[in-house]
């Protein structure tokens, strides 16, 4: 039987650009999805000054996402997804998620 050598998008990105760049792109995509939702809800302009603050949030959430993924020993593709989700949630969303776990005693 021949081995399946097809790659998914994440694996292809990591092969071409490396893991760090893929992580930053996924964090940027997560923040862009959040920003776009805010624009659709008419709480922000698409090219408003708030967009500048999304950059450090994306980088910070990428670092946090990599740390969390490393702690749980996740595969590189899953790490990228975790980073994108955490970047979308942002610091407040991540805080709410952690508080929920701590209150339930799951961690």
PDB file of N, CA and C in Angstrom:
ATOM      1  N   UNK A   1       0.837  -1.178   0.000  1.00  0.00           N
ATOM      2  CA  UNK A   1       0.000   0.000   0.000  1.00  0.00           C
ATOM      3  C   UNK A   1       0.888   1.249   0.000  1.00  0.00           C
ATOM      4  N   UNK A   2       0.584   2.206  -0.827  1.00  0.00           N
ATOM      5  CA  UNK A   2       1.370   3.431  -0.918  1.00  0.00           C
ATOM      6  C   UNK A   2       1.038   4.349   0.255  1.00  0.00           C
ATOM      7  N   UNK A   3       2.079   5.009   0.717  1.00  0.00           N
ATOM      8  CA  UNK A   3       1.898   5.943   1.825  1.00  0.00           C
ATOM      9  C   UNK A   3       1.257   7.224   1.315  1.00  0.00           C
ATOM     10  N   UNK A   4       0.296   7.733   2.075  1.00  0.00           N
ATOM     11  CA  UNK A   4      -0.373   8.980   1.704  1.00  0.00           C
ATOM     12  C   UNK A   4       0.547  10.145   2.035  1.00  0.00           C
ATOM     13  N   UNK A   5       0.997  10.867   1.012  1.00  0.00           N
ATOM     14  CA  UNK A   5       1.927  11.971   1.224  1.00  0.00           C
ATOM     15  C   UNK A   5       1.265  13.328   1.090  1.00  0.00           C
ATOM     16  N   UNK A   6      -0.050  13.361   1.041  1.00  0.00           N
ATOM     17  CA  UNK A   6      -0.724  14.652   0.935  1.00  0.00           C
ATOM     18  C   UNK A   6      -0.608  15.388   2.262  1.00  0.00           C
ATOM     19  N   UNK A   7      -0.498  16.676   2.155  1.00  0.00           N
ATOM     20  CA  UNK A   7      -0.381  17.521   3.341  1.00  0.00           C
ATOM     21  C   UNK A   7      -1.596  18.414   3.432  1.00  0.00           C
ATOM     22  N   UNK A   8      -1.916  18.737   4.654  1.00  0.00           N
ATOM     23  CA  UNK A   8      -2.953  19.721   4.880  1.00  0.00           C
ATOM     24  C   UNK A   8      -2.357  21.119   4.791  1.00  0.00           C
ATOM     25  N   UNK A   9      -3.193  22.103   4.932  1.00  0.00           N
ATOM     26  CA  UNK A   9      -2.750  23.494   4.841  1.00  0.00           C
ATOM     27  C   UNK A   9      -1.705  23.818   5.900  1.00  0.00           C
ATOM     28  N   UNK A  10      -1.938  23.405   7.124  1.00  0.00           N
ATOM     29  CA  UNK A  10      -1.017  23.736   8.204  1.00  0.00           C
ATOM     30  C   UNK A  10       0.348  23.092   7.968  1.00  0.00           C
ATOM     31  N   UNK A  11       0.351  21.816   7.595  1.00  0.00           N
ATOM     32  CA  UNK A  11       1.623  21.145   7.340  1.00  0.00           C
ATOM     33  C   UNK A  11       2.373  21.784   6.179  1.00  0.00           C
ATOM     34  N   UNK A  12       1.656  22.184   5.146  1.00  0.00           N
ATOM     35  CA  UNK A  12       2.287  22.843   4.003  1.00  0.00           C
ATOM     36  C   UNK A  12       2.880  24.191   4.416  1.00  0.00           C
ATOM     37  N   UNK A  13       2.138  24.950   5.210  1.00  0.00           N
ATOM     38  CA  UNK A  13       2.650  26.240   5.678  1.00  0.00           C
ATOM     39  C   UNK A  13       3.903  26.045   6.518  1.00  0.00           C
ATOM     40  N   UNK A  14       3.891  25.052   7.402  1.00  0.00           N
ATOM     41  CA  UNK A  14       5.054  24.805   8.252  1.00  0.00           C
ATOM     42  C   UNK A  14       6.259  24.362   7.431  1.00  0.00           C
ATOM     43  N   UNK A  15       6.031  23.580   6.385  1.00  0.00           N
ATOM     44  CA  UNK A  15       7.134  23.132   5.534  1.00  0.00           C
ATOM     45  C   UNK A  15       7.747  24.288   4.758  1.00  0.00           C
ATOM     46  N   UNK A  16       6.912  25.208   4.307  1.00  0.00           N
ATOM     47  CA  UNK A  16       7.406  26.318   3.493  1.00  0.00           C
ATOM     48  C   UNK A  16       7.981  27.443   4.353  1.00  0.00           C
ATOM     49  N   UNK A  17       7.276  27.817   5.412  1.00  0.00           N
ATOM     50  CA  UNK A  17       7.645  29.002   6.179  1.00  0.00           C
ATOM     51  C   UNK A  17       8.244  28.699   7.551  1.00  0.00           C
ATOM     52  N   UNK A  18       8.038  27.506   8.055  1.00  0.00           N
ATOM     53  CA  UNK A  18       8.515  27.181   9.395  1.00  0.00           C
ATOM     54  C   UNK A  18       7.405  27.331  10.417  1.00  0.00           C
ATOM     55  N   UNK A  19       7.627  26.745  11.562  1.00  0.00           N
ATOM     56  CA  UNK A  19       6.601  26.731  12.606  1.00  0.00           C
ATOM     57  C   UNK A  19       6.319  28.078  13.230  1.00  0.00           C
ATOM     58  N   UNK A  20       7.371  28.878  13.450  1.00  0.00           N
ATOM     59  CA  UNK A  20       7.177  30.168  14.107  1.00  0.00           C
ATOM     60  C   UNK A  20       6.335  31.118  13.260  1.00  0.00           C
ATOM     61  N   UNK A  21       6.639  31.173  11.975  1.00  0.00           N
ATOM     62  CA  UNK A  21       5.877  32.056  11.086  1.00  0.00           C
ATOM     63  C   UNK A  21       4.436  31.566  10.964  1.00  0.00           C
ATOM     64  N   UNK A  22       4.259  30.246  10.885  1.00  0.00           N
ATOM     65  CA  UNK A  22       2.908  29.689  10.821  1.00  0.00           C
ATOM     66  C   UNK A  22       2.124  30.041  12.074  1.00  0.00           C
ATOM     67  N   UNK A  23       2.778  29.980  13.223  1.00  0.00           N
ATOM     68  CA  UNK A  23       2.112  30.341  14.478  1.00  0.00           C
ATOM     69  C   UNK A  23       1.690  31.800  14.477  1.00  0.00           C
ATOM     70  N   UNK A  24       2.573  32.678  14.037  1.00  0.00           N
ATOM     71  CA  UNK A  24       2.230  34.104  13.993  1.00  0.00           C
ATOM     72  C   UNK A  24       1.118  34.387  12.988  1.00  0.00           C
ATOM     73  N   UNK A  25       1.136  33.706  11.864  1.00  0.00           N
ATOM     74  CA  UNK A  25       0.069  33.894  10.876  1.00  0.00           C
ATOM     75  C   UNK A  25      -1.265  33.421  11.450  1.00  0.00           C
ATOM     76  N   UNK A  26      -1.265  32.289  12.146  1.00  0.00           N
ATOM     77  CA  UNK A  26      -2.521  31.795  12.716  1.00  0.00           C
ATOM     78  C   UNK A  26      -3.029  32.730  13.808  1.00  0.00           C
ATOM     79  N   UNK A  27      -2.122  33.296  14.599  1.00  0.00           N
ATOM     80  CA  UNK A  27      -2.550  34.262  15.619  1.00  0.00           C
ATOM     81  C   UNK A  27      -3.110  35.522  14.953  1.00  0.00           C
ATOM     82  N   UNK A  28      -2.458  35.979  13.904  1.00  0.00           N
ATOM     83  CA  UNK A  28      -2.974  37.139  13.168  1.00  0.00           C
ATOM     84  C   UNK A  28      -4.330  36.865  12.557  1.00  0.00           C
ATOM     85  N   UNK A  29      -4.506  35.647  12.027  1.00  0.00           N
ATOM     86  CA  UNK A  29      -5.808  35.288  11.452  1.00  0.00           C
ATOM     87  C   UNK A  29      -6.886  35.251  12.523  1.00  0.00           C
ATOM     88  N   UNK A  30      -6.549  34.747  13.699  1.00  0.00           N
ATOM     89  CA  UNK A  30      -7.520  34.724  14.800  1.00  0.00           C
ATOM     90  C   UNK A  30      -7.944  36.126  15.206  1.00  0.00           C
ATOM     91  N   UNK A  31      -6.987  37.030  15.336  1.00  0.00           N
ATOM     92  CA  UNK A  31      -7.325  38.413  15.706  1.00  0.00           C
ATOM     93  C   UNK A  31      -8.083  39.106  14.584  1.00  0.00           C
ATOM     94  N   UNK A  32      -7.740  38.799  13.332  1.00  0.00           N
ATOM     95  CA  UNK A  32      -8.451  39.401  12.205  1.00  0.00           C
ATOM     96  C   UNK A  32      -9.906  38.931  12.168  1.00  0.00           C
ATOM     97  N   UNK A  33     -10.142  37.670  12.510  1.00  0.00           N
ATOM     98  CA  UNK A  33     -11.527  37.177  12.580  1.00  0.00           C
ATOM     99  C   UNK A  33     -12.308  37.923  13.663  1.00  0.00           C
ATOM    100  N   UNK A  34     -11.667  38.132  14.826  1.00  0.00           N
ATOM    101  CA  UNK A  34     -12.323  38.880  15.890  1.00  0.00           C
ATOM    102  C   UNK A  34     -12.599  40.317  15.449  1.00  0.00           C
ATOM    103  N   UNK A  35     -11.588  40.952  14.850  1.00  0.00           N
ATOM    104  CA  UNK A  35     -11.733  42.336  14.396  1.00  0.00           C
ATOM    105  C   UNK A  35     -12.841  42.451  13.346  1.00  0.00           C
ATOM    106  N   UNK A  36     -12.903  41.490  12.440  1.00  0.00           N
ATOM    107  CA  UNK A  36     -13.944  41.510  11.409  1.00  0.00           C
ATOM    108  C   UNK A  36     -15.334  41.380  12.004  1.00  0.00           C
ATOM    109  N   UNK A  37     -15.462  40.568  13.052  1.00  0.00           N
ATOM    110  CA  UNK A  37     -16.760  40.443  13.729  1.00  0.00           C
ATOM    111  C   UNK A  37     -17.149  41.772  14.385  1.00  0.00           C
ATOM    112  N   UNK A  38     -16.177  42.467  14.945  1.00  0.00           N
ATOM    113  CA  UNK A  38     -16.446  43.775  15.544  1.00  0.00           C
ATOM    114  C   UNK A  38     -16.850  44.794  14.475  1.00  0.00           C
ATOM    115  N   UNK A  39     -16.220  44.719  13.312  1.00  0.00           N
ATOM    116  CA  UNK A  39     -16.567  45.615  12.206  1.00  0.00           C
ATOM    117  C   UNK A  39     -17.990  45.334  11.735  1.00  0.00           C
ATOM    118  N   UNK A  40     -18.338  44.053  11.579  1.00  0.00           N
ATOM    119  CA  UNK A  40     -19.697  43.684  11.153  1.00  0.00           C
ATOM    120  C   UNK A  40     -20.740  44.156  12.164  1.00  0.00           C
ATOM    121  N   UNK A  41     -20.385  44.135  13.441  1.00  0.00           N
ATOM    122  CA  UNK A  41     -21.316  44.583  14.481  1.00  0.00           C
ATOM    123  C   UNK A  41     -21.324  46.109  14.615  1.00  0.00           C
ATOM    124  N   UNK A  42     -20.544  46.775  13.778  1.00  0.00           N
ATOM    125  CA  UNK A  42     -20.450  48.246  13.746  1.00  0.00           C
ATOM    126  C   UNK A  42     -19.915  48.850  15.049  1.00  0.00           C
ATOM    127  N   UNK A  43     -19.052  48.084  15.728  1.00  0.00           N
ATOM    128  CA  UNK A  43     -18.397  48.606  16.930  1.00  0.00           C
ATOM    129  C   UNK A  43     -17.020  49.180  16.604  1.00  0.00           C
ATOM    130  N   UNK A  44     -16.532  48.895  15.376  1.00  0.00           N
ATOM    131  CA  UNK A  44     -15.233  49.384  14.934  1.00  0.00           C
ATOM    132  C   UNK A  44     -15.271  49.687  13.446  1.00  0.00           C
ATOM    133  N   UNK A  45     -14.323  50.521  13.021  1.00  0.00           N
ATOM    134  CA  UNK A  45     -14.069  50.714  11.596  1.00  0.00           C
ATOM    135  C   UNK A  45     -13.023  49.686  11.188  1.00  0.00           C
ATOM    136  N   UNK A  46     -13.068  49.250   9.928  1.00  0.00           N
ATOM    137  CA  UNK A  46     -12.122  48.223   9.504  1.00  0.00           C
ATOM    138  C   UNK A  46     -10.677  48.707   9.605  1.00  0.00           C
ATOM    139  N   UNK A  47     -10.412  49.923   9.178  1.00  0.00           N
ATOM    140  CA  UNK A  47      -9.057  50.470   9.251  1.00  0.00           C
ATOM    141  C   UNK A  47      -8.946  51.533  10.337  1.00  0.00           C
ATOM    142  N   UNK A  48      -9.541  51.272  11.477  1.00  0.00           N
ATOM    143  CA  UNK A  48      -9.499  52.211  12.586  1.00  0.00           C
ATOM    144  C   UNK A  48      -8.256  52.035  13.437  1.00  0.00           C
ATOM    145  N   UNK A  49      -8.086  52.918  14.406  1.00  0.00           N
ATOM    146  CA  UNK A  49      -6.898  52.859  15.275  1.00  0.00           C
ATOM    147  C   UNK A  49      -6.846  51.600  16.151  1.00  0.00           C
ATOM    148  N   UNK A  50      -7.980  50.947  16.365  1.00  0.00           N
ATOM    149  CA  UNK A  50      -7.997  49.733  17.181  1.00  0.00           C
ATOM    150  C   UNK A  50      -7.185  48.615  16.557  1.00  0.00           C
ATOM    151  N   UNK A  51      -7.059  48.661  15.239  1.00  0.00           N
ATOM    152  CA  UNK A  51      -6.338  47.618  14.517  1.00  0.00           C
ATOM    153  C   UNK A  51      -4.870  47.543  14.945  1.00  0.00           C
ATOM    154  N   UNK A  52      -4.294  48.673  15.340  1.00  0.00           N
ATOM    155  CA  UNK A  52      -2.899  48.701  15.784  1.00  0.00           C
ATOM    156  C   UNK A  52      -2.721  47.865  17.051  1.00  0.00           C
ATOM    157  N   UNK A  53      -3.700  47.911  17.943  1.00  0.00           N
ATOM    158  CA  UNK A  53      -3.598  47.171  19.204  1.00  0.00           C
ATOM    159  C   UNK A  53      -3.778  45.669  19.021  1.00  0.00           C
ATOM    160  N   UNK A  54      -4.250  45.249  17.875  1.00  0.00           N
ATOM    161  CA  UNK A  54      -4.425  43.817  17.631  1.00  0.00           C
ATOM    162  C   UNK A  54      -3.084  43.109  17.426  1.00  0.00           C
ATOM    163  N   UNK A  55      -2.064  43.825  16.991  1.00  0.00           N
ATOM    164  CA  UNK A  55      -0.765  43.204  16.723  1.00  0.00           C
ATOM    165  C   UNK A  55      -0.122  42.659  18.005  1.00  0.00           C
ATOM    166  N   UNK A  56       0.044  43.469  19.062  1.00  0.00           N
ATOM    167  CA  UNK A  56       0.644  42.892  20.275  1.00  0.00           C
ATOM    168  C   UNK A  56      -0.237  41.825  20.922  1.00  0.00           C
ATOM    169  N   UNK A  57      -1.546  41.946  20.775  1.00  0.00           N
ATOM    170  CA  UNK A  57      -2.430  40.911  21.310  1.00  0.00           C
ATOM    171  C   UNK A  57      -2.200  39.602  20.563  1.00  0.00           C
ATOM    172  N   UNK A  58      -2.072  39.673  19.241  1.00  0.00           N
ATOM    173  CA  UNK A  58      -1.834  38.470  18.443  1.00  0.00           C
ATOM    174  C   UNK A  58      -0.511  37.818  18.830  1.00  0.00           C
ATOM    175  N   UNK A  59       0.537  38.604  18.986  1.00  0.00           N
ATOM    176  CA  UNK A  59       1.844  38.050  19.352  1.00  0.00           C
ATOM    177  C   UNK A  59       1.787  37.447  20.753  1.00  0.00           C
ATOM    178  N   UNK A  60       1.184  38.155  21.682  1.00  0.00           N
ATOM    179  CA  UNK A  60       1.064  37.634  23.045  1.00  0.00           C
ATOM    180  C   UNK A  60       0.266  36.350  23.110  1.00  0.00           C
ATOM    181  N   UNK A  61      -0.836  36.294  22.388  1.00  0.00           N
ATOM    182  CA  UNK A  61      -1.659  35.089  22.401  1.00  0.00           C
ATOM    183  C   UNK A  61      -0.960  33.939  21.678  1.00  0.00           C
ATOM    184  N   UNK A  62      -0.096  34.251  20.700  1.00  0.00           N
ATOM    185  CA  UNK A  62       0.700  33.206  20.044  1.00  0.00           C
ATOM    186  C   UNK A  62       1.666  32.581  21.043  1.00  0.00           C
ATOM    187  N   UNK A  63       2.302  33.408  21.858  1.00  0.00           N
ATOM    188  CA  UNK A  63       3.225  32.899  22.874  1.00  0.00           C
ATOM    189  C   UNK A  63       2.481  32.048  23.891  1.00  0.00           C
ATOM    190  N   UNK A  64       1.334  32.539  24.347  1.00  0.00           N
ATOM    191  CA  UNK A  64       0.537  31.783  25.314  1.00  0.00           C
ATOM    192  C   UNK A  64       0.045  30.477  24.703  1.00  0.00           C
ATOM    193  N   UNK A  65      -0.423  30.535  23.467  1.00  0.00           N
ATOM    194  CA  UNK A  65      -0.911  29.335  22.798  1.00  0.00           C
ATOM    195  C   UNK A  65       0.171  28.286  22.611  1.00  0.00           C
ATOM    196  N   UNK A  66       1.378  28.721  22.264  1.00  0.00           N
ATOM    197  CA  UNK A  66       2.493  27.786  22.137  1.00  0.00           C
ATOM    198  C   UNK A  66       2.826  27.157  23.488  1.00  0.00           C
ATOM    199  N   UNK A  67       2.795  27.951  24.543  1.00  0.00           N
ATOM    200  CA  UNK A  67       3.098  27.421  25.876  1.00  0.00           C
ATOM    201  C   UNK A  67       2.050  26.407  26.324  1.00  0.00           C
ATOM    202  N   UNK A  68       0.793  26.735  26.125  1.00  0.00           N
ATOM    203  CA  UNK A  68      -0.286  25.818  26.500  1.00  0.00           C
ATOM    204  C   UNK A  68      -0.201  24.532  25.684  1.00  0.00           C
ATOM    205  N   UNK A  69       0.045  24.658  24.397  1.00  0.00           N
ATOM    206  CA  UNK A  69       0.150  23.485  23.527  1.00  0.00           C
ATOM    207  C   UNK A  69       1.339  22.614  23.900  1.00  0.00           C
ATOM    208  N   UNK A  70       2.444  23.250  24.243  1.00  0.00           N
ATOM    209  CA  UNK A  70       3.615  22.500  24.676  1.00  0.00           C
ATOM    210  C   UNK A  70       3.364  21.765  25.979  1.00  0.00           C
ATOM    211  N   UNK A  71       2.662  22.409  26.883  1.00  0.00           N
ATOM    212  CA  UNK A  71       2.338  21.787  28.169  1.00  0.00           C
ATOM    213  C   UNK A  71       1.521  20.518  27.971  1.00  0.00           C
ATOM    214  N   UNK A  72       0.562  20.566  27.059  1.00  0.00           N
ATOM    215  CA  UNK A  72      -0.289  19.406  26.810  1.00  0.00           C
ATOM    216  C   UNK A  72       0.294  18.449  25.768  1.00  0.00           C
ATOM    217  N   UNK A  73       1.450  18.772  25.186  1.00  0.00           N
ATOM    218  CA  UNK A  73       2.108  17.902  24.226  1.00  0.00           C
ATOM    219  C   UNK A  73       1.343  17.712  22.930  1.00  0.00           C
ATOM    220  N   UNK A  74       0.752  18.776  22.431  1.00  0.00           N
ATOM    221  CA  UNK A  74      -0.064  18.694  21.220  1.00  0.00           C
ATOM    222  C   UNK A  74       0.810  18.659  19.965  1.00  0.00           C
ATOM    223  N   UNK A  75       0.273  18.097  18.905  1.00  0.00           N
ATOM    224  CA  UNK A  75       0.993  18.030  17.635  1.00  0.00           C
ATOM    225  C   UNK A  75       1.089  19.430  17.022  1.00  0.00           C
ATOM    226  N   UNK A  76       2.022  19.634  16.089  1.00  0.00           N
ATOM    227  CA  UNK A  76       2.177  20.961  15.480  1.00  0.00           C
ATOM    228  C   UNK A  76       0.907  21.496  14.818  1.00  0.00           C
ATOM    229  N   UNK A  77       0.144  20.647  14.156  1.00  0.00           N
ATOM    230  CA  UNK A  77      -1.085  21.120  13.508  1.00  0.00           C
ATOM    231  C   UNK A  77      -2.110  21.560  14.544  1.00  0.00           C
ATOM    232  N   UNK A  78      -2.215  20.814  15.625  1.00  0.00           N
ATOM    233  CA  UNK A  78      -3.170  21.176  16.680  1.00  0.00           C
ATOM    234  C   UNK A  78      -2.701  22.435  17.400  1.00  0.00           C
ATOM    235  N   UNK A  79      -1.388  22.579  17.571  1.00  0.00           N
ATOM    236  CA  UNK A  79      -0.849  23.800  18.186  1.00  0.00           C
ATOM    237  C   UNK A  79      -1.294  25.039  17.405  1.00  0.00           C
ATOM    238  N   UNK A  80      -1.215  24.952  16.096  1.00  0.00           N
ATOM    239  CA  UNK A  80      -1.603  26.083  15.256  1.00  0.00           C
ATOM    240  C   UNK A  80      -3.068  26.430  15.463  1.00  0.00           C
ATOM    241  N   UNK A  81      -3.913  25.429  15.560  1.00  0.00           N
ATOM    242  CA  UNK A  81      -5.330  25.666  15.815  1.00  0.00           C
ATOM    243  C   UNK A  81      -5.579  26.266  17.179  1.00  0.00           C
ATOM    244  N   UNK A  82      -4.861  25.782  18.186  1.00  0.00           N
ATOM    245  CA  UNK A  82      -5.012  26.327  19.544  1.00  0.00           C
ATOM    246  C   UNK A  82      -4.606  27.793  19.560  1.00  0.00           C
ATOM    247  N   UNK A  83      -3.524  28.118  18.883  1.00  0.00           N
ATOM    248  CA  UNK A  83      -3.069  29.513  18.817  1.00  0.00           C
ATOM    249  C   UNK A  83      -4.134  30.390  18.162  1.00  0.00           C
ATOM    250  N   UNK A  84      -4.706  29.923  17.049  1.00  0.00           N
ATOM    251  CA  UNK A  84      -5.729  30.709  16.356  1.00  0.00           C
ATOM    252  C   UNK A  84      -6.958  30.922  17.237  1.00  0.00           C
ATOM    253  N   UNK A  85      -7.376  29.877  17.941  1.00  0.00           N
ATOM    254  CA  UNK A  85      -8.557  29.998  18.817  1.00  0.00           C
ATOM    255  C   UNK A  85      -8.276  30.950  19.965  1.00  0.00           C
ATOM    256  N   UNK A  86      -7.121  30.802  20.606  1.00  0.00           N
ATOM    257  CA  UNK A  86      -6.793  31.705  21.718  1.00  0.00           C
ATOM    258  C   UNK A  86      -6.636  33.145  21.241  1.00  0.00           C
ATOM    259  N   UNK A  87      -6.054  33.331  20.056  1.00  0.00           N
ATOM    260  CA  UNK A  87      -5.921  34.692  19.520  1.00  0.00           C
ATOM    261  C   UNK A  87      -7.291  35.293  19.238  1.00  0.00           C
ATOM    262  N   UNK A  88      -8.203  34.477  18.711  1.00  0.00           N
ATOM    263  CA  UNK A  88      -9.560  34.961  18.470  1.00  0.00           C
ATOM    264  C   UNK A  88     -10.220  35.363  19.795  1.00  0.00           C
ATOM    265  N   UNK A  89     -10.055  34.538  20.810  1.00  0.00           N
ATOM    266  CA  UNK A  89     -10.665  34.814  22.112  1.00  0.00           C
ATOM    267  C   UNK A  89     -10.036  36.040  22.770  1.00  0.00           C
ATOM    268  N   UNK A  90      -8.747  36.228  22.578  1.00  0.00           N
ATOM    269  CA  UNK A  90      -8.049  37.344  23.183  1.00  0.00           C
ATOM    270  C   UNK A  90      -7.828  37.133  24.664  1.00  0.00           C
ATOM    271  N   UNK A  91      -7.203  38.101  25.318  1.00  0.00           N
ATOM    272  CA  UNK A  91      -6.899  37.951  26.739  1.00  0.00           C
ATOM    273  C   UNK A  91      -8.139  37.795  27.618  1.00  0.00           C
ATOM    274  N   UNK A  92      -9.186  38.525  27.314  1.00  0.00           N
ATOM    275  CA  UNK A  92     -10.399  38.425  28.139  1.00  0.00           C
ATOM    276  C   UNK A  92     -11.079  37.076  27.983  1.00  0.00           C
ATOM    277  N   UNK A  93     -11.139  36.583  26.772  1.00  0.00           N
ATOM    278  CA  UNK A  93     -11.733  35.271  26.538  1.00  0.00           C
ATOM    279  C   UNK A  93     -10.930  34.162  27.184  1.00  0.00           C
ATOM    280  N   UNK A  94      -9.599  34.257  27.083  1.00  0.00           N
ATOM    281  CA  UNK A  94      -8.740  33.259  27.721  1.00  0.00           C
ATOM    282  C   UNK A  94      -8.894  33.309  29.237  1.00  0.00           C
ATOM    283  N   UNK A  95      -9.011  34.505  29.785  1.00  0.00           N
ATOM    284  CA  UNK A  95      -9.211  34.644  31.226  1.00  0.00           C
ATOM    285  C   UNK A  95     -10.530  34.011  31.646  1.00  0.00           C
ATOM    286  N   UNK A  96     -11.591  34.251  30.896  1.00  0.00           N
ATOM    287  CA  UNK A  96     -12.890  33.666  31.219  1.00  0.00           C
ATOM    288  C   UNK A  96     -12.834  32.142  31.156  1.00  0.00           C
ATOM    289  N   UNK A  97     -12.119  31.607  30.165  1.00  0.00           N
ATOM    290  CA  UNK A  97     -11.978  30.159  30.042  1.00  0.00           C
ATOM    291  C   UNK A  97     -11.204  29.579  31.222  1.00  0.00           C
ATOM    292  N   UNK A  98     -10.116  30.227  31.602  1.00  0.00           N
ATOM    293  CA  UNK A  98      -9.331  29.746  32.738  1.00  0.00           C
ATOM    294  C   UNK A  98     -10.119  29.834  34.047  1.00  0.00           C
ATOM    295  N   UNK A  99     -10.842  30.912  34.221  1.00  0.00           N
ATOM    296  CA  UNK A  99     -11.642  31.048  35.445  1.00  0.00           C
ATOM    297  C   UNK A  99     -12.701  29.959  35.529  1.00  0.00           C
ATOM    298  N   UNK A 100     -13.254  29.594  34.401  1.00  0.00           N
ATOM    299  CA  UNK A 100     -14.252  28.532  34.387  1.00  0.00           C
ATOM    300  C   UNK A 100     -13.633  27.199  34.813  1.00  0.00           C
ATOM    301  N   UNK A 101     -12.435  26.921  34.294  1.00  0.00           N
ATOM    302  CA  UNK A 101     -11.747  25.690  34.681  1.00  0.00           C
ATOM    303  C   UNK A 101     -11.374  25.696  36.156  1.00  0.00           C
ATOM    304  N   UNK A 102     -10.867  26.828  36.640  1.00  0.00           N
ATOM    305  CA  UNK A 102     -10.468  26.896  38.042  1.00  0.00           C
ATOM    306  C   UNK A 102     -11.658  26.753  38.980  1.00  0.00           C
ATOM    307  N   UNK A 103     -12.778  27.334  38.621  1.00  0.00           N
ATOM    308  CA  UNK A 103     -13.979  27.220  39.461  1.00  0.00           C
ATOM    309  C   UNK A 103     -14.508  25.802  39.507  1.00  0.00           C
ATOM    310  N   UNK A 104     -14.353  25.070  38.385  1.00  0.00           N
ATOM    311  CA  UNK A 104     -14.812  23.695  38.349  1.00  0.00           C
ATOM    312  C   UNK A 104     -13.775  22.735  38.886  1.00  0.00           C
ATOM    313  N   UNK A 105     -12.558  23.201  39.092  1.00  0.00           N
ATOM    314  CA  UNK A 105     -11.493  22.353  39.611  1.00  0.00           C
ATOM    315  C   UNK A 105     -10.926  21.402  38.587  1.00  0.00           C
ATOM    316  N   UNK A 106     -11.064  21.718  37.294  1.00  0.00           N
ATOM    317  CA  UNK A 106     -10.574  20.826  36.247  1.00  0.00           C
ATOM    318  C   UNK A 106      -9.059  20.918  36.070  1.00  0.00           C
ATOM    319  N   UNK A 107      -8.439  22.020  36.474  1.00  0.00           N
ATOM    320  CA  UNK A 107      -6.991  22.140  36.293  1.00  0.00           C
ATOM    321  C   UNK A 107      -6.295  21.757  37.528  1.00  0.00           C
TER     322      UNK A 107
END
